[in-house]
Amino acid sequence: MPVRLKSFIGMIVLVALVVIYALVATTVATYRLAESPWYIHLAFFGFSGVLWVLPAMFVISWMVRPPRKRSEKQD
């Protein structure tokens, strides 16, 4: 797959990941943390703010991986 196409697909996936993840995290916080103290909110948003990096790392590593040569594809 050409590098430009991989970058385009990866960018679309990353934007979708961030939007969906933000909506889910906010929904969970709204329904589950409504009456919780401030430190629970801080812990939840700190944890969920870092958690999205894990799937993003896999997408980015896939995007920057160089294309395989034809001889490697036949193995």
N, C-alpha and C. Protein backbone atom coordinates (compact mmCIF):
# COMPACT_ATOMS: atom_id res chain seq x y z
N MET A 1 0.86 -1.17 0.00
CA MET A 1 0.00 0.00 0.00
C MET A 1 0.90 1.24 0.00
N PRO A 2 0.61 2.21 -0.84
CA PRO A 2 1.43 3.43 -0.89
C PRO A 2 1.40 4.18 0.45
N VAL A 3 2.50 4.85 0.74
CA VAL A 3 2.64 5.57 2.00
C VAL A 3 1.60 6.68 2.13
N ARG A 4 1.32 7.37 1.05
CA ARG A 4 0.34 8.46 1.11
C ARG A 4 -1.05 7.94 1.42
N LEU A 5 -1.42 6.79 0.86
CA LEU A 5 -2.72 6.21 1.15
C LEU A 5 -2.80 5.74 2.60
N LYS A 6 -1.71 5.12 3.09
CA LYS A 6 -1.68 4.70 4.49
C LYS A 6 -1.80 5.90 5.43
N SER A 7 -1.13 6.99 5.08
CA SER A 7 -1.20 8.20 5.91
C SER A 7 -2.61 8.77 5.91
N PHE A 8 -3.26 8.77 4.77
CA PHE A 8 -4.63 9.29 4.68
C PHE A 8 -5.60 8.44 5.50
N ILE A 9 -5.51 7.12 5.33
CA ILE A 9 -6.38 6.22 6.09
C ILE A 9 -6.11 6.35 7.58
N GLY A 10 -4.84 6.41 7.95
CA GLY A 10 -4.48 6.56 9.35
C GLY A 10 -5.00 7.85 9.96
N MET A 11 -4.95 8.93 9.18
CA MET A 11 -5.45 10.21 9.68
C MET A 11 -6.95 10.15 9.92
N ILE A 12 -7.68 9.52 9.00
CA ILE A 12 -9.13 9.39 9.17
C ILE A 12 -9.44 8.53 10.40
N VAL A 13 -8.70 7.45 10.57
CA VAL A 13 -8.91 6.57 11.73
C VAL A 13 -8.59 7.30 13.03
N LEU A 14 -7.51 8.08 13.05
CA LEU A 14 -7.16 8.82 14.27
C LEU A 14 -8.20 9.86 14.63
N VAL A 15 -8.68 10.60 13.65
CA VAL A 15 -9.71 11.60 13.94
C VAL A 15 -10.98 10.93 14.46
N ALA A 16 -11.38 9.84 13.82
CA ALA A 16 -12.57 9.11 14.28
C ALA A 16 -12.35 8.55 15.69
N LEU A 17 -11.16 8.03 15.95
CA LEU A 17 -10.84 7.50 17.28
C LEU A 17 -10.96 8.57 18.35
N VAL A 18 -10.40 9.72 18.11
CA VAL A 18 -10.43 10.79 19.10
C VAL A 18 -11.85 11.28 19.34
N VAL A 19 -12.62 11.45 18.29
CA VAL A 19 -14.00 11.94 18.44
C VAL A 19 -14.85 10.92 19.19
N ILE A 20 -14.79 9.67 18.77
CA ILE A 20 -15.60 8.64 19.44
C ILE A 20 -15.15 8.44 20.88
N TYR A 21 -13.85 8.42 21.09
CA TYR A 21 -13.34 8.24 22.45
C TYR A 21 -13.76 9.39 23.36
N ALA A 22 -13.69 10.61 22.87
CA ALA A 22 -14.10 11.76 23.68
C ALA A 22 -15.58 11.70 24.02
N LEU A 23 -16.41 11.31 23.05
CA LEU A 23 -17.84 11.19 23.32
C LEU A 23 -18.14 10.10 24.35
N VAL A 24 -17.48 8.97 24.23
CA VAL A 24 -17.70 7.88 25.17
C VAL A 24 -17.21 8.26 26.57
N ALA A 25 -16.02 8.84 26.67
CA ALA A 25 -15.48 9.24 27.97
C ALA A 25 -16.36 10.29 28.64
N THR A 26 -16.85 11.24 27.88
CA THR A 26 -17.72 12.27 28.44
C THR A 26 -19.06 11.68 28.87
N THR A 27 -19.60 10.76 28.10
CA THR A 27 -20.87 10.13 28.46
C THR A 27 -20.72 9.31 29.72
N VAL A 28 -19.65 8.55 29.82
CA VAL A 28 -19.41 7.76 31.04
C VAL A 28 -19.27 8.70 32.24
N ALA A 29 -18.53 9.76 32.08
CA ALA A 29 -18.34 10.71 33.18
C ALA A 29 -19.65 11.37 33.58
N THR A 30 -20.48 11.69 32.62
CA THR A 30 -21.74 12.35 32.92
C THR A 30 -22.68 11.45 33.72
N TYR A 31 -22.77 10.19 33.32
CA TYR A 31 -23.72 9.29 33.97
C TYR A 31 -23.17 8.62 35.22
N ARG A 32 -21.89 8.40 35.30
CA ARG A 32 -21.31 7.66 36.42
C ARG A 32 -20.69 8.55 37.49
N LEU A 33 -20.26 9.73 37.14
CA LEU A 33 -19.52 10.57 38.08
C LEU A 33 -20.27 11.81 38.53
N ALA A 34 -21.56 11.85 38.33
CA ALA A 34 -22.32 13.07 38.61
C ALA A 34 -22.20 13.51 40.07
N GLU A 35 -22.26 12.60 40.99
CA GLU A 35 -22.23 12.95 42.41
C GLU A 35 -20.89 12.63 43.07
N SER A 36 -19.89 12.33 42.30
CA SER A 36 -18.58 11.96 42.85
C SER A 36 -17.80 13.21 43.25
N PRO A 37 -16.89 13.04 44.19
CA PRO A 37 -16.05 14.18 44.60
C PRO A 37 -15.05 14.57 43.50
N TRP A 38 -14.43 15.73 43.68
CA TRP A 38 -13.55 16.29 42.66
C TRP A 38 -12.36 15.40 42.35
N TYR A 39 -11.83 14.70 43.35
CA TYR A 39 -10.64 13.88 43.09
C TYR A 39 -10.96 12.65 42.26
N ILE A 40 -12.19 12.17 42.32
CA ILE A 40 -12.60 11.07 41.44
C ILE A 40 -12.69 11.57 40.00
N HIS A 41 -13.22 12.76 39.81
CA HIS A 41 -13.27 13.37 38.48
C HIS A 41 -11.85 13.56 37.93
N LEU A 42 -10.96 14.06 38.78
CA LEU A 42 -9.58 14.28 38.36
C LEU A 42 -8.92 12.97 37.95
N ALA A 43 -9.10 11.93 38.74
CA ALA A 43 -8.51 10.62 38.41
C ALA A 43 -9.10 10.06 37.13
N PHE A 44 -10.42 10.15 36.97
CA PHE A 44 -11.06 9.60 35.77
C PHE A 44 -10.59 10.32 34.52
N PHE A 45 -10.61 11.65 34.53
CA PHE A 45 -10.21 12.38 33.34
C PHE A 45 -8.71 12.31 33.09
N GLY A 46 -7.92 12.17 34.14
CA GLY A 46 -6.48 11.94 33.95
C GLY A 46 -6.22 10.60 33.29
N PHE A 47 -6.90 9.55 33.78
CA PHE A 47 -6.74 8.21 33.23
C PHE A 47 -7.29 8.13 31.81
N SER A 48 -8.49 8.64 31.61
CA SER A 48 -9.09 8.55 30.27
C SER A 48 -8.40 9.50 29.28
N GLY A 49 -7.77 10.55 29.78
CA GLY A 49 -7.04 11.45 28.89
C GLY A 49 -5.76 10.84 28.35
N VAL A 50 -5.21 9.88 29.07
CA VAL A 50 -3.98 9.21 28.63
C VAL A 50 -4.29 7.90 27.91
N LEU A 51 -5.42 7.30 28.20
CA LEU A 51 -5.75 5.98 27.67
C LEU A 51 -5.90 5.95 26.14
N TRP A 52 -6.33 7.03 25.53
CA TRP A 52 -6.52 7.04 24.08
C TRP A 52 -5.21 6.94 23.31
N VAL A 53 -4.10 7.18 24.00
CA VAL A 53 -2.80 7.13 23.35
C VAL A 53 -2.46 5.70 22.90
N LEU A 54 -2.91 4.69 23.64
CA LEU A 54 -2.57 3.31 23.30
C LEU A 54 -3.08 2.90 21.91
N PRO A 55 -4.36 3.05 21.60
CA PRO A 55 -4.78 2.69 20.24
C PRO A 55 -4.19 3.63 19.19
N ALA A 56 -3.95 4.89 19.56
CA ALA A 56 -3.35 5.82 18.60
C ALA A 56 -1.92 5.41 18.25
N MET A 57 -1.19 4.85 19.22
CA MET A 57 0.17 4.39 18.95
C MET A 57 0.18 3.29 17.89
N PHE A 58 -0.77 2.38 17.98
CA PHE A 58 -0.82 1.30 16.99
C PHE A 58 -1.14 1.83 15.59
N VAL A 59 -2.06 2.79 15.51
CA VAL A 59 -2.40 3.36 14.21
C VAL A 59 -1.21 4.11 13.63
N ILE A 60 -0.53 4.89 14.46
CA ILE A 60 0.61 5.67 13.97
C ILE A 60 1.76 4.75 13.57
N SER A 61 2.00 3.70 14.34
CA SER A 61 3.08 2.77 13.96
C SER A 61 2.75 2.06 12.65
N TRP A 62 1.48 1.77 12.42
CA TRP A 62 1.09 1.18 11.14
C TRP A 62 1.29 2.17 9.99
N MET A 63 0.98 3.45 10.26
CA MET A 63 1.11 4.47 9.22
C MET A 63 2.56 4.66 8.78
N VAL A 64 3.50 4.65 9.70
CA VAL A 64 4.89 4.98 9.37
C VAL A 64 5.71 3.75 8.98
N ARG A 65 5.13 2.57 9.09
CA ARG A 65 5.84 1.36 8.69
C ARG A 65 6.10 1.42 7.18
N PRO A 66 7.35 1.20 6.77
CA PRO A 66 7.63 1.28 5.33
C PRO A 66 6.95 0.15 4.57
N PRO A 67 6.61 0.39 3.33
CA PRO A 67 5.95 -0.66 2.54
C PRO A 67 6.90 -1.83 2.31
N ARG A 68 6.33 -3.02 2.25
CA ARG A 68 7.14 -4.21 2.00
C ARG A 68 7.55 -4.27 0.54
N LYS A 69 8.70 -4.85 0.29
CA LYS A 69 9.16 -5.04 -1.08
C LYS A 69 8.43 -6.23 -1.68
N ARG A 70 8.40 -6.31 -2.98
CA ARG A 70 7.69 -7.39 -3.66
C ARG A 70 8.21 -8.75 -3.28
N SER A 71 9.50 -8.91 -3.09
CA SER A 71 10.06 -10.22 -2.76
C SER A 71 9.61 -10.68 -1.38
N GLU A 72 9.37 -9.76 -0.44
CA GLU A 72 8.89 -10.10 0.89
C GLU A 72 7.44 -10.52 0.88
N LYS A 73 6.65 -10.02 -0.07
CA LYS A 73 5.23 -10.35 -0.14
C LYS A 73 5.01 -11.80 -0.55
N GLN A 74 5.94 -12.37 -1.31
CA GLN A 74 5.75 -13.72 -1.83
C GLN A 74 6.04 -14.77 -0.77
N ASP A 75 6.75 -14.46 0.31
CA ASP A 75 7.09 -15.44 1.34
C ASP A 75 5.91 -15.82 2.18
